[in-house]
C-alpha atoms as a PDB file:
ATOM      1  CA  MET A   1      62.756 160.521 161.701  1.00  0.00           C
ATOM      2  CA  GLU A   2      63.028 159.648 165.389  1.00  0.00           C
ATOM      3  CA  ASN A   3      64.955 156.754 164.909  1.00  0.00           C
ATOM      4  CA  LYS A   4      67.308 158.189 162.956  1.00  0.00           C
ATOM      5  CA  LYS A   5      68.007 160.682 166.344  1.00  0.00           C
ATOM      6  CA  ALA A   6      68.159 157.522 168.349  1.00  0.00           C
ATOM      7  CA  LEU A   7      70.556 155.279 166.196  1.00  0.00           C
ATOM      8  CA  SER A   8      72.718 158.472 166.046  1.00  0.00           C
ATOM      9  CA  PHE A   9      71.967 158.546 170.286  1.00  0.00           C
ATOM     10  CA  VAL A  10      73.169 154.961 169.896  1.00  0.00           C
ATOM     11  CA  PHE A  11      76.657 155.185 167.918  1.00  0.00           C
ATOM     12  CA  ILE A  12      77.700 158.344 169.824  1.00  0.00           C
ATOM     13  CA  ILE A  13      77.746 156.465 173.159  1.00  0.00           C
ATOM     14  CA  VAL A  14      79.357 153.594 171.633  1.00  0.00           C
ATOM     15  CA  ALA A  15      81.909 155.495 170.399  1.00  0.00           C
ATOM     16  CA  ILE A  16      82.475 157.827 174.005  1.00  0.00           C
ATOM     17  CA  ILE A  17      82.672 154.216 175.540  1.00  0.00           C
ATOM     18  CA  LEU A  18      84.952 152.700 173.089  1.00  0.00           C
ATOM     19  CA  GLY A  19      87.517 155.322 172.905  1.00  0.00           C
ATOM     20  CA  CYS A  20      87.611 155.683 176.911  1.00  0.00           C
ATOM     21  CA  THR A  21      88.060 152.096 176.340  1.00  0.00           C
ATOM     22  CA  LEU A  22      91.125 152.038 174.107  1.00  0.00           C
ATOM     23  CA  TYR A  23      92.466 155.421 176.130  1.00  0.00           C
ATOM     24  CA  LYS A  24      92.167 153.190 179.531  1.00  0.00           C
ATOM     25  CA  GLN A  25      94.147 149.815 177.752  1.00  0.00           C
ATOM     26  CA  PHE A  26      96.621 152.161 176.115  1.00  0.00           C
ATOM     27  CA  ASP A  27     100.515 152.103 177.357  1.00  0.00           C
ATOM     28  CA  PHE A  28     101.754 155.866 176.903  1.00  0.00           C
ATOM     29  CA  GLU A  29     105.357 154.452 178.294  1.00  0.00           C
ATOM     30  CA  ASN A  30     105.599 151.933 175.281  1.00  0.00           C
ATOM     31  CA  PHE A  31     103.493 152.457 172.797  1.00  0.00           C
ATOM     32  CA  LYS A  32     101.377 149.645 173.050  1.00  0.00           C
ATOM     33  CA  PHE A  33      97.534 148.160 173.782  1.00  0.00           C
ATOM     34  CA  GLU A  34      97.626 145.938 176.777  1.00  0.00           C
ATOM     35  CA  LYS A  35      95.645 143.563 174.184  1.00  0.00           C
ATOM     36  CA  PRO A  36      96.227 144.341 170.651  1.00  0.00           C
ATOM     37  CA  ALA A  37      93.981 141.799 170.220  1.00  0.00           C
ATOM     38  CA  LEU A  38      91.051 143.424 171.820  1.00  0.00           C
ATOM     39  CA  ALA A  39      92.334 147.197 170.453  1.00  0.00           C
ATOM     40  CA  TYR A  40      91.729 146.012 167.193  1.00  0.00           C
ATOM     41  CA  VAL A  41      88.454 144.961 167.024  1.00  0.00           C
ATOM     42  CA  TYR A  42      87.546 148.615 169.101  1.00  0.00           C
ATOM     43  CA  LEU A  43      89.516 150.607 166.687  1.00  0.00           C
ATOM     44  CA  THR A  44      86.899 148.539 164.279  1.00  0.00           C
ATOM     45  CA  VAL A  45      83.810 149.914 165.743  1.00  0.00           C
ATOM     46  CA  PHE A  46      84.875 153.142 167.108  1.00  0.00           C
ATOM     47  CA  PHE A  47      85.588 154.078 164.097  1.00  0.00           C
ATOM     48  CA  ALA A  48      82.918 152.550 162.055  1.00  0.00           C
ATOM     49  CA  SER A  49      80.471 154.251 164.763  1.00  0.00           C
ATOM     50  CA  ILE A  50      82.308 157.315 164.193  1.00  0.00           C
ATOM     51  CA  PHE A  51      81.890 156.951 160.593  1.00  0.00           C
ATOM     52  CA  PHE A  52      78.523 155.942 160.510  1.00  0.00           C
ATOM     53  CA  ILE A  53      77.475 159.374 163.397  1.00  0.00           C
ATOM     54  CA  VAL A  54      79.395 162.095 160.138  1.00  0.00           C
ATOM     55  CA  LYS A  55      77.476 160.131 157.946  1.00  0.00           C
ATOM     56  CA  SER A  56      74.075 161.041 160.056  1.00  0.00           C
ATOM     57  CA  PHE A  57      75.202 164.344 160.300  1.00  0.00           C
ATOM     58  CA  LYS A  58      75.888 164.654 155.900  1.00  0.00           C
ATOM     59  CA  ASN A  59      72.658 163.707 156.046  1.00  0.00           C
ATOM     60  CA  LYS A  60      70.956 166.535 158.451  1.00  0.00           C
ATOM     61  CA  SER A  61      72.664 168.938 157.402  1.00  0.00           C
ATOM     62  CA  GLN A  62      71.982 168.260 153.156  1.00  0.00           C
ATOM     63  CA  GLN A  63      68.102 168.272 154.828  1.00  0.00           C
END
């Protein structure tokens, strides 16, 4: 049980850091990222971390 809490905390921290990074790299005047290739990697990991966070909270609510 402790291991699942720690993993959820790690994914929350990763999601916050990547979300801030993506926000900083996005150019709102041109609606483009400064570094598109790196942004796709960040988005992939960001969505994966959000998926694991939702999955862990879903499992907690079922129990």
